[in-house]
PDB file of N, CA and C in Angstrom:
ATOM      1  N   MET A   1       6.725 -13.396 -11.840  1.00  0.00           N
ATOM      2  CA  MET A   1       5.635 -13.070 -10.941  1.00  0.00           C
ATOM      3  C   MET A   1       4.349 -13.053 -11.751  1.00  0.00           C
ATOM      4  N   GLU A   2       3.371 -13.790 -11.291  1.00  0.00           N
ATOM      5  CA  GLU A   2       2.132 -13.845 -12.047  1.00  0.00           C
ATOM      6  C   GLU A   2       1.191 -12.706 -11.671  1.00  0.00           C
ATOM      7  N   GLY A   3       0.427 -12.265 -12.641  1.00  0.00           N
ATOM      8  CA  GLY A   3      -0.668 -11.345 -12.399  1.00  0.00           C
ATOM      9  C   GLY A   3      -0.319  -9.902 -12.118  1.00  0.00           C
ATOM     10  N   ASP A   4      -1.343  -9.083 -12.207  1.00  0.00           N
ATOM     11  CA  ASP A   4      -1.251  -7.664 -11.915  1.00  0.00           C
ATOM     12  C   ASP A   4      -1.825  -7.398 -10.541  1.00  0.00           C
ATOM     13  N   VAL A   5      -1.391  -6.307  -9.943  1.00  0.00           N
ATOM     14  CA  VAL A   5      -1.990  -5.868  -8.693  1.00  0.00           C
ATOM     15  C   VAL A   5      -3.363  -5.305  -9.037  1.00  0.00           C
ATOM     16  N   LEU A   6      -4.365  -5.757  -8.310  1.00  0.00           N
ATOM     17  CA  LEU A   6      -5.744  -5.330  -8.528  1.00  0.00           C
ATOM     18  C   LEU A   6      -6.221  -4.512  -7.344  1.00  0.00           C
ATOM     19  N   LEU A   7      -7.304  -3.764  -7.548  1.00  0.00           N
ATOM     20  CA  LEU A   7      -7.865  -2.924  -6.501  1.00  0.00           C
ATOM     21  C   LEU A   7      -9.318  -3.289  -6.286  1.00  0.00           C
ATOM     22  N   ASP A   8      -9.681  -3.473  -5.025  1.00  0.00           N
ATOM     23  CA  ASP A   8     -11.071  -3.657  -4.617  1.00  0.00           C
ATOM     24  C   ASP A   8     -11.403  -2.467  -3.728  1.00  0.00           C
ATOM     25  N   LEU A   9     -12.204  -1.533  -4.230  1.00  0.00           N
ATOM     26  CA  LEU A   9     -12.542  -0.314  -3.497  1.00  0.00           C
ATOM     27  C   LEU A   9     -14.037  -0.316  -3.209  1.00  0.00           C
ATOM     28  N   ARG A  10     -14.369  -0.219  -1.925  1.00  0.00           N
ATOM     29  CA  ARG A  10     -15.768  -0.203  -1.498  1.00  0.00           C
ATOM     30  C   ARG A  10     -15.970   0.952  -0.541  1.00  0.00           C
ATOM     31  N   GLY A  11     -16.501   2.045  -1.083  1.00  0.00           N
ATOM     32  CA  GLY A  11     -16.702   3.227  -0.253  1.00  0.00           C
ATOM     33  C   GLY A  11     -15.368   3.811   0.164  1.00  0.00           C
ATOM     34  N   ASP A  12     -15.179   3.931   1.478  1.00  0.00           N
ATOM     35  CA  ASP A  12     -13.935   4.521   1.987  1.00  0.00           C
ATOM     36  C   ASP A  12     -12.913   3.476   2.426  1.00  0.00           C
ATOM     37  N   LYS A  13     -13.121   2.221   2.057  1.00  0.00           N
ATOM     38  CA  LYS A  13     -12.185   1.132   2.367  1.00  0.00           C
ATOM     39  C   LYS A  13     -11.718   0.488   1.077  1.00  0.00           C
ATOM     40  N   GLY A  14     -10.455   0.110   1.052  1.00  0.00           N
ATOM     41  CA  GLY A  14      -9.944  -0.529  -0.155  1.00  0.00           C
ATOM     42  C   GLY A  14      -8.865  -1.542   0.146  1.00  0.00           C
ATOM     43  N   THR A  15      -8.623  -2.386  -0.834  1.00  0.00           N
ATOM     44  CA  THR A  15      -7.578  -3.399  -0.753  1.00  0.00           C
ATOM     45  C   THR A  15      -6.904  -3.531  -2.114  1.00  0.00           C
ATOM     46  N   PHE A  16      -5.594  -3.385  -2.117  1.00  0.00           N
ATOM     47  CA  PHE A  16      -4.809  -3.776  -3.280  1.00  0.00           C
ATOM     48  C   PHE A  16      -4.480  -5.238  -3.046  1.00  0.00           C
ATOM     49  N   TYR A  17      -4.589  -6.060  -4.085  1.00  0.00           N
ATOM     50  CA  TYR A  17      -4.288  -7.472  -3.882  1.00  0.00           C
ATOM     51  C   TYR A  17      -3.646  -8.083  -5.114  1.00  0.00           C
ATOM     52  N   LEU A  18      -2.963  -9.169  -4.848  1.00  0.00           N
ATOM     53  CA  LEU A  18      -2.250  -9.910  -5.870  1.00  0.00           C
ATOM     54  C   LEU A  18      -2.406 -11.386  -5.525  1.00  0.00           C
ATOM     55  N   VAL A  19      -2.793 -12.168  -6.506  1.00  0.00           N
ATOM     56  CA  VAL A  19      -2.922 -13.611  -6.296  1.00  0.00           C
ATOM     57  C   VAL A  19      -1.739 -14.292  -6.971  1.00  0.00           C
ATOM     58  N   VAL A  20      -0.976 -15.021  -6.160  1.00  0.00           N
ATOM     59  CA  VAL A  20       0.199 -15.739  -6.642  1.00  0.00           C
ATOM     60  C   VAL A  20       0.094 -17.169  -6.143  1.00  0.00           C
ATOM     61  N   GLU A  21       0.207 -18.116  -7.058  1.00  0.00           N
ATOM     62  CA  GLU A  21       0.123 -19.539  -6.693  1.00  0.00           C
ATOM     63  C   GLU A  21      -1.119 -19.813  -5.850  1.00  0.00           C
ATOM     64  N   ASN A  22      -2.240 -19.249  -6.277  1.00  0.00           N
ATOM     65  CA  ASN A  22      -3.528 -19.409  -5.601  1.00  0.00           C
ATOM     66  C   ASN A  22      -3.551 -18.888  -4.164  1.00  0.00           C
ATOM     67  N   ARG A  23      -2.623 -17.999  -3.846  1.00  0.00           N
ATOM     68  CA  ARG A  23      -2.577 -17.354  -2.521  1.00  0.00           C
ATOM     69  C   ARG A  23      -2.748 -15.858  -2.739  1.00  0.00           C
ATOM     70  N   LYS A  24      -3.411 -15.210  -1.799  1.00  0.00           N
ATOM     71  CA  LYS A  24      -3.719 -13.785  -1.941  1.00  0.00           C
ATOM     72  C   LYS A  24      -2.902 -12.951  -0.962  1.00  0.00           C
ATOM     73  N   ALA A  25      -2.176 -11.979  -1.504  1.00  0.00           N
ATOM     74  CA  ALA A  25      -1.443 -10.996  -0.700  1.00  0.00           C
ATOM     75  C   ALA A  25      -2.226  -9.688  -0.780  1.00  0.00           C
ATOM     76  N   THR A  26      -2.266  -8.934   0.317  1.00  0.00           N
ATOM     77  CA  THR A  26      -3.116  -7.747   0.358  1.00  0.00           C
ATOM     78  C   THR A  26      -2.431  -6.547   1.015  1.00  0.00           C
ATOM     79  N   LEU A  27      -2.878  -5.371   0.616  1.00  0.00           N
ATOM     80  CA  LEU A  27      -2.565  -4.123   1.302  1.00  0.00           C
ATOM     81  C   LEU A  27      -3.909  -3.437   1.501  1.00  0.00           C
ATOM     82  N   SER A  28      -4.300  -3.274   2.757  1.00  0.00           N
ATOM     83  CA  SER A  28      -5.587  -2.670   3.090  1.00  0.00           C
ATOM     84  C   SER A  28      -5.409  -1.215   3.464  1.00  0.00           C
ATOM     85  N   PHE A  29      -6.408  -0.404   3.090  1.00  0.00           N
ATOM     86  CA  PHE A  29      -6.331   1.021   3.404  1.00  0.00           C
ATOM     87  C   PHE A  29      -7.722   1.608   3.603  1.00  0.00           C
ATOM     88  N   SER A  30      -7.733   2.799   4.181  1.00  0.00           N
ATOM     89  CA  SER A  30      -8.949   3.585   4.349  1.00  0.00           C
ATOM     90  C   SER A  30      -8.722   4.931   3.702  1.00  0.00           C
ATOM     91  N   LEU A  31      -9.796   5.528   3.237  1.00  0.00           N
ATOM     92  CA  LEU A  31      -9.741   6.873   2.690  1.00  0.00           C
ATOM     93  C   LEU A  31     -10.463   7.808   3.652  1.00  0.00           C
ATOM     94  N   VAL A  32      -9.766   8.846   4.089  1.00  0.00           N
ATOM     95  CA  VAL A  32     -10.343   9.845   4.978  1.00  0.00           C
ATOM     96  C   VAL A  32      -9.968  11.202   4.411  1.00  0.00           C
ATOM     97  N   SER A  33     -10.977  11.958   3.983  1.00  0.00           N
ATOM     98  CA  SER A  33     -10.755  13.252   3.331  1.00  0.00           C
ATOM     99  C   SER A  33      -9.807  13.057   2.158  1.00  0.00           C
ATOM    100  N   GLU A  34      -8.677  13.723   2.199  1.00  0.00           N
ATOM    101  CA  GLU A  34      -7.704  13.638   1.100  1.00  0.00           C
ATOM    102  C   GLU A  34      -6.527  12.734   1.461  1.00  0.00           C
ATOM    103  N   GLU A  35      -6.761  11.809   2.393  1.00  0.00           N
ATOM    104  CA  GLU A  35      -5.678  10.933   2.849  1.00  0.00           C
ATOM    105  C   GLU A  35      -5.992   9.464   2.594  1.00  0.00           C
ATOM    106  N   LEU A  36      -4.934   8.745   2.267  1.00  0.00           N
ATOM    107  CA  LEU A  36      -4.992   7.299   2.162  1.00  0.00           C
ATOM    108  C   LEU A  36      -4.251   6.763   3.386  1.00  0.00           C
ATOM    109  N   ILE A  37      -4.977   6.087   4.258  1.00  0.00           N
ATOM    110  CA  ILE A  37      -4.380   5.542   5.477  1.00  0.00           C
ATOM    111  C   ILE A  37      -4.043   4.075   5.213  1.00  0.00           C
ATOM    112  N   ALA A  38      -2.750   3.798   5.122  1.00  0.00           N
ATOM    113  CA  ALA A  38      -2.268   2.444   4.816  1.00  0.00           C
ATOM    114  C   ALA A  38      -2.272   1.624   6.106  1.00  0.00           C
ATOM    115  N   ASP A  39      -3.258   0.731   6.231  1.00  0.00           N
ATOM    116  CA  ASP A  39      -3.498  -0.003   7.469  1.00  0.00           C
ATOM    117  C   ASP A  39      -2.630  -1.249   7.643  1.00  0.00           C
ATOM    118  N   SER A  40      -2.571  -2.082   6.609  1.00  0.00           N
ATOM    119  CA  SER A  40      -1.826  -3.333   6.783  1.00  0.00           C
ATOM    120  C   SER A  40      -1.444  -3.947   5.445  1.00  0.00           C
ATOM    121  N   VAL A  41      -0.337  -4.668   5.486  1.00  0.00           N
ATOM    122  CA  VAL A  41       0.115  -5.464   4.341  1.00  0.00           C
ATOM    123  C   VAL A  41       0.233  -6.906   4.833  1.00  0.00           C
ATOM    124  N   PHE A  42      -0.291  -7.823   4.037  1.00  0.00           N
ATOM    125  CA  PHE A  42      -0.181  -9.235   4.382  1.00  0.00           C
ATOM    126  C   PHE A  42       0.269 -10.018   3.165  1.00  0.00           C
ATOM    127  N   THR A  43       1.326 -10.800   3.349  1.00  0.00           N
ATOM    128  CA  THR A  43       1.792 -11.742   2.331  1.00  0.00           C
ATOM    129  C   THR A  43       1.848 -13.118   2.987  1.00  0.00           C
ATOM    130  N   PRO A  44       1.210 -14.117   2.384  1.00  0.00           N
ATOM    131  CA  PRO A  44       1.291 -15.465   2.961  1.00  0.00           C
ATOM    132  C   PRO A  44       2.750 -15.889   3.156  1.00  0.00           C
ATOM    133  N   GLN A  45       2.991 -16.598   4.218  1.00  0.00           N
ATOM    134  CA  GLN A  45       4.340 -17.010   4.609  1.00  0.00           C
ATOM    135  C   GLN A  45       5.128 -17.611   3.449  1.00  0.00           C
ATOM    136  N   GLU A  46       4.503 -18.505   2.697  1.00  0.00           N
ATOM    137  CA  GLU A  46       5.226 -19.208   1.632  1.00  0.00           C
ATOM    138  C   GLU A  46       5.575 -18.313   0.442  1.00  0.00           C
ATOM    139  N   LEU A  47       5.041 -17.094   0.402  1.00  0.00           N
ATOM    140  CA  LEU A  47       5.331 -16.161  -0.696  1.00  0.00           C
ATOM    141  C   LEU A  47       6.260 -15.028  -0.283  1.00  0.00           C
ATOM    142  N   ARG A  48       6.634 -14.988   0.969  1.00  0.00           N
ATOM    143  CA  ARG A  48       7.455 -13.882   1.462  1.00  0.00           C
ATOM    144  C   ARG A  48       8.855 -13.923   0.862  1.00  0.00           C
ATOM    145  N   GLY A  49       9.453 -12.730   0.766  1.00  0.00           N
ATOM    146  CA  GLY A  49      10.799 -12.611   0.224  1.00  0.00           C
ATOM    147  C   GLY A  49      10.847 -12.539  -1.297  1.00  0.00           C
ATOM    148  N   ARG A  50       9.700 -12.354  -1.919  1.00  0.00           N
ATOM    149  CA  ARG A  50       9.633 -12.329  -3.385  1.00  0.00           C
ATOM    150  C   ARG A  50       9.230 -10.957  -3.926  1.00  0.00           C
ATOM    151  N   GLY A  51       9.206  -9.941  -3.052  1.00  0.00           N
ATOM    152  CA  GLY A  51       8.899  -8.590  -3.507  1.00  0.00           C
ATOM    153  C   GLY A  51       7.429  -8.283  -3.679  1.00  0.00           C
ATOM    154  N   ILE A  52       6.585  -9.165  -3.183  1.00  0.00           N
ATOM    155  CA  ILE A  52       5.145  -8.984  -3.370  1.00  0.00           C
ATOM    156  C   ILE A  52       4.620  -7.793  -2.565  1.00  0.00           C
ATOM    157  N   ALA A  53       5.040  -7.661  -1.324  1.00  0.00           N
ATOM    158  CA  ALA A  53       4.597  -6.523  -0.508  1.00  0.00           C
ATOM    159  C   ALA A  53       5.032  -5.202  -1.142  1.00  0.00           C
ATOM    160  N   ALA A  54       6.226  -5.186  -1.718  1.00  0.00           N
ATOM    161  CA  ALA A  54       6.702  -3.976  -2.396  1.00  0.00           C
ATOM    162  C   ALA A  54       5.839  -3.659  -3.614  1.00  0.00           C
ATOM    163  N   ARG A  55       5.430  -4.672  -4.358  1.00  0.00           N
ATOM    164  CA  ARG A  55       4.551  -4.439  -5.521  1.00  0.00           C
ATOM    165  C   ARG A  55       3.218  -3.853  -5.080  1.00  0.00           C
ATOM    166  N   LEU A  56       2.680  -4.363  -3.994  1.00  0.00           N
ATOM    167  CA  LEU A  56       1.423  -3.831  -3.475  1.00  0.00           C
ATOM    168  C   LEU A  56       1.588  -2.375  -3.033  1.00  0.00           C
ATOM    169  N   THR A  57       2.692  -2.100  -2.369  1.00  0.00           N
ATOM    170  CA  THR A  57       2.945  -0.742  -1.885  1.00  0.00           C
ATOM    171  C   THR A  57       3.216   0.198  -3.045  1.00  0.00           C
ATOM    172  N   ASP A  58       3.907  -0.267  -4.061  1.00  0.00           N
ATOM    173  CA  ASP A  58       4.100   0.537  -5.275  1.00  0.00           C
ATOM    174  C   ASP A  58       2.741   0.921  -5.874  1.00  0.00           C
ATOM    175  N   ALA A  59       1.829  -0.022  -5.926  1.00  0.00           N
ATOM    176  CA  ALA A  59       0.492   0.244  -6.480  1.00  0.00           C
ATOM    177  C   ALA A  59      -0.242   1.282  -5.637  1.00  0.00           C
ATOM    178  N   MET A  60      -0.091   1.198  -4.315  1.00  0.00           N
ATOM    179  CA  MET A  60      -0.724   2.171  -3.422  1.00  0.00           C
ATOM    180  C   MET A  60      -0.163   3.565  -3.668  1.00  0.00           C
ATOM    181  N   VAL A  61       1.160   3.665  -3.804  1.00  0.00           N
ATOM    182  CA  VAL A  61       1.813   4.954  -4.064  1.00  0.00           C
ATOM    183  C   VAL A  61       1.317   5.525  -5.394  1.00  0.00           C
ATOM    184  N   ASP A  62       1.255   4.698  -6.431  1.00  0.00           N
ATOM    185  CA  ASP A  62       0.766   5.151  -7.734  1.00  0.00           C
ATOM    186  C   ASP A  62      -0.675   5.658  -7.632  1.00  0.00           C
ATOM    187  N   TYR A  63      -1.494   4.934  -6.901  1.00  0.00           N
ATOM    188  CA  TYR A  63      -2.896   5.325  -6.718  1.00  0.00           C
ATOM    189  C   TYR A  63      -2.988   6.667  -5.995  1.00  0.00           C
ATOM    190  N   ALA A  64      -2.204   6.828  -4.940  1.00  0.00           N
ATOM    191  CA  ALA A  64      -2.211   8.087  -4.184  1.00  0.00           C
ATOM    192  C   ALA A  64      -1.801   9.246  -5.084  1.00  0.00           C
ATOM    193  N   GLU A  65      -0.754   9.043  -5.868  1.00  0.00           N
ATOM    194  CA  GLU A  65      -0.300  10.101  -6.783  1.00  0.00           C
ATOM    195  C   GLU A  65      -1.387  10.453  -7.805  1.00  0.00           C
ATOM    196  N   LYS A  66      -1.963   9.452  -8.407  1.00  0.00           N
ATOM    197  CA  LYS A  66      -2.966   9.654  -9.456  1.00  0.00           C
ATOM    198  C   LYS A  66      -4.202  10.385  -8.930  1.00  0.00           C
ATOM    199  N   HIS A  67      -4.543  10.142  -7.662  1.00  0.00           N
ATOM    200  CA  HIS A  67      -5.766  10.714  -7.083  1.00  0.00           C
ATOM    201  C   HIS A  67      -5.478  11.889  -6.134  1.00  0.00           C
ATOM    202  N   ASN A  68      -4.246  12.395  -6.183  1.00  0.00           N
ATOM    203  CA  ASN A  68      -3.852  13.544  -5.342  1.00  0.00           C
ATOM    204  C   ASN A  68      -4.153  13.321  -3.859  1.00  0.00           C
ATOM    205  N   LEU A  69      -3.791  12.147  -3.388  1.00  0.00           N
ATOM    206  CA  LEU A  69      -3.982  11.794  -1.981  1.00  0.00           C
ATOM    207  C   LEU A  69      -2.651  11.841  -1.251  1.00  0.00           C
ATOM    208  N   LYS A  70      -2.697  12.176   0.012  1.00  0.00           N
ATOM    209  CA  LYS A  70      -1.530  12.090   0.880  1.00  0.00           C
ATOM    210  C   LYS A  70      -1.603  10.737   1.593  1.00  0.00           C
ATOM    211  N   ILE A  71      -0.456  10.171   1.889  1.00  0.00           N
ATOM    212  CA  ILE A  71      -0.383   8.854   2.532  1.00  0.00           C
ATOM    213  C   ILE A  71      -0.097   9.025   4.017  1.00  0.00           C
ATOM    214  N   TYR A  72      -0.896   8.360   4.825  1.00  0.00           N
ATOM    215  CA  TYR A  72      -0.655   8.298   6.264  1.00  0.00           C
ATOM    216  C   TYR A  72      -0.444   6.820   6.595  1.00  0.00           C
ATOM    217  N   PRO A  73       0.819   6.398   6.733  1.00  0.00           N
ATOM    218  CA  PRO A  73       1.082   4.977   6.981  1.00  0.00           C
ATOM    219  C   PRO A  73       0.923   4.609   8.462  1.00  0.00           C
ATOM    220  N   THR A  74       0.198   3.545   8.719  1.00  0.00           N
ATOM    221  CA  THR A  74       0.122   2.993  10.074  1.00  0.00           C
ATOM    222  C   THR A  74       0.710   1.580  10.101  1.00  0.00           C
ATOM    223  N   CYS A  75       0.854   0.972   8.944  1.00  0.00           N
ATOM    224  CA  CYS A  75       1.414  -0.372   8.821  1.00  0.00           C
ATOM    225  C   CYS A  75       2.944  -0.299   8.901  1.00  0.00           C
ATOM    226  N   PRO A  76       3.570  -1.101   9.755  1.00  0.00           N
ATOM    227  CA  PRO A  76       5.034  -1.072   9.868  1.00  0.00           C
ATOM    228  C   PRO A  76       5.755  -1.289   8.537  1.00  0.00           C
ATOM    229  N   TYR A  77       5.242  -2.165   7.686  1.00  0.00           N
ATOM    230  CA  TYR A  77       5.899  -2.399   6.397  1.00  0.00           C
ATOM    231  C   TYR A  77       5.879  -1.134   5.552  1.00  0.00           C
ATOM    232  N   VAL A  78       4.726  -0.491   5.460  1.00  0.00           N
ATOM    233  CA  VAL A  78       4.610   0.722   4.635  1.00  0.00           C
ATOM    234  C   VAL A  78       5.465   1.850   5.218  1.00  0.00           C
ATOM    235  N   ILE A  79       5.505   1.961   6.535  1.00  0.00           N
ATOM    236  CA  ILE A  79       6.350   2.976   7.179  1.00  0.00           C
ATOM    237  C   ILE A  79       7.805   2.773   6.768  1.00  0.00           C
ATOM    238  N   GLU A  80       8.277   1.550   6.838  1.00  0.00           N
ATOM    239  CA  GLU A  80       9.670   1.248   6.483  1.00  0.00           C
ATOM    240  C   GLU A  80       9.914   1.461   4.986  1.00  0.00           C
ATOM    241  N   TYR A  81       8.976   1.044   4.163  1.00  0.00           N
ATOM    242  CA  TYR A  81       9.075   1.237   2.715  1.00  0.00           C
ATOM    243  C   TYR A  81       9.263   2.720   2.397  1.00  0.00           C
ATOM    244  N   LEU A  82       8.437   3.575   2.999  1.00  0.00           N
ATOM    245  CA  LEU A  82       8.514   5.014   2.745  1.00  0.00           C
ATOM    246  C   LEU A  82       9.765   5.638   3.357  1.00  0.00           C
ATOM    247  N   ARG A  83      10.207   5.133   4.508  1.00  0.00           N
ATOM    248  CA  ARG A  83      11.422   5.649   5.141  1.00  0.00           C
ATOM    249  C   ARG A  83      12.634   5.460   4.230  1.00  0.00           C
ATOM    250  N   LYS A  84      12.656   4.335   3.517  1.00  0.00           N
ATOM    251  CA  LYS A  84      13.776   4.027   2.625  1.00  0.00           C
ATOM    252  C   LYS A  84      13.709   4.790   1.300  1.00  0.00           C
ATOM    253  N   ARG A  85      12.618   5.529   1.090  1.00  0.00           N
ATOM    254  CA  ARG A  85      12.422   6.251  -0.175  1.00  0.00           C
ATOM    255  C   ARG A  85      12.069   7.711   0.105  1.00  0.00           C
ATOM    256  N   PRO A  86      13.065   8.507   0.531  1.00  0.00           N
ATOM    257  CA  PRO A  86      12.781   9.905   0.878  1.00  0.00           C
ATOM    258  C   PRO A  86      12.215  10.717  -0.287  1.00  0.00           C
ATOM    259  N   GLU A  87      12.398  10.244  -1.508  1.00  0.00           N
ATOM    260  CA  GLU A  87      11.827  10.950  -2.658  1.00  0.00           C
ATOM    261  C   GLU A  87      10.293  10.930  -2.640  1.00  0.00           C
ATOM    262  N   LEU A  88       9.724  10.048  -1.803  1.00  0.00           N
ATOM    263  CA  LEU A  88       8.269   9.976  -1.686  1.00  0.00           C
ATOM    264  C   LEU A  88       7.726  10.807  -0.521  1.00  0.00           C
ATOM    265  N   ASP A  89       8.608  11.499   0.192  1.00  0.00           N
ATOM    266  CA  ASP A  89       8.163  12.313   1.329  1.00  0.00           C
ATOM    267  C   ASP A  89       7.071  13.293   0.936  1.00  0.00           C
ATOM    268  N   ARG A  90       7.089  13.743  -0.301  1.00  0.00           N
ATOM    269  CA  ARG A  90       6.087  14.704  -0.773  1.00  0.00           C
ATOM    270  C   ARG A  90       4.672  14.130  -0.721  1.00  0.00           C
ATOM    271  N   LEU A  91       4.562  12.801  -0.664  1.00  0.00           N
ATOM    272  CA  LEU A  91       3.258  12.148  -0.605  1.00  0.00           C
ATOM    273  C   LEU A  91       2.773  11.909   0.824  1.00  0.00           C
ATOM    274  N   LEU A  92       3.635  12.148   1.802  1.00  0.00           N
ATOM    275  CA  LEU A  92       3.245  11.897   3.195  1.00  0.00           C
ATOM    276  C   LEU A  92       2.276  12.960   3.685  1.00  0.00           C
ATOM    277  N   SER A  93       1.321  12.523   4.465  1.00  0.00           N
ATOM    278  CA  SER A  93       0.360  13.436   5.081  1.00  0.00           C
ATOM    279  C   SER A  93       1.099  14.420   5.987  1.00  0.00           C
ATOM    280  N   PRO A  94       0.696  15.683   5.995  1.00  0.00           N
ATOM    281  CA  PRO A  94       1.301  16.633   6.923  1.00  0.00           C
ATOM    282  C   PRO A  94       1.031  16.266   8.387  1.00  0.00           C
ATOM    283  N   LYS A  95       0.018  15.429   8.612  1.00  0.00           N
ATOM    284  CA  LYS A  95      -0.306  14.973   9.976  1.00  0.00           C
ATOM    285  C   LYS A  95       0.647  13.885  10.463  1.00  0.00           C
ATOM    286  N   TYR A  96       1.344  13.248   9.508  1.00  0.00           N
ATOM    287  CA  TYR A  96       2.240  12.140   9.851  1.00  0.00           C
ATOM    288  C   TYR A  96       3.605  12.680  10.244  1.00  0.00           C
ATOM    289  N   SER A  97       4.127  12.189  11.359  1.00  0.00           N
ATOM    290  CA  SER A  97       5.491  12.550  11.746  1.00  0.00           C
ATOM    291  C   SER A  97       6.279  11.280  11.970  1.00  0.00           C
ATOM    292  N   ARG A  98       7.493  11.290  11.509  1.00  0.00           N
ATOM    293  CA  ARG A  98       8.351  10.097  11.608  1.00  0.00           C
ATOM    294  C   ARG A  98       8.831   9.905  13.022  1.00  0.00           C
TER     295      ARG A  98
END
C-alpha cells in the first residue's frame, strides 16, 4: 500500500485521505465541541477491498484518541467498523446510541 494517511483540517471540517494509484480515498468529518462526527468514507471503486477505508478509519480513531474527542459516527462504514470493535466503545459519544 503506497503512502501515509494524511489530514486536511480547515476550521471545524476535516478530511483524512490517502492517494493510491493516483486515486484519492477520503474520510470526511466535522468537529463539534468535543466530538468528531464521522460523515462519510469514500474509496474509488477500483481500489475497494484493499483495506483502504479501514486505514482511513484507523487514522480517525487515532486522531480522536490523541485529541480527547468522542466519535459520533453517521457514516454506515464507520458505524460498522466501530460495531465490530467493542474495545473502541469508550470513544463513542454519549449522544450516540446503537
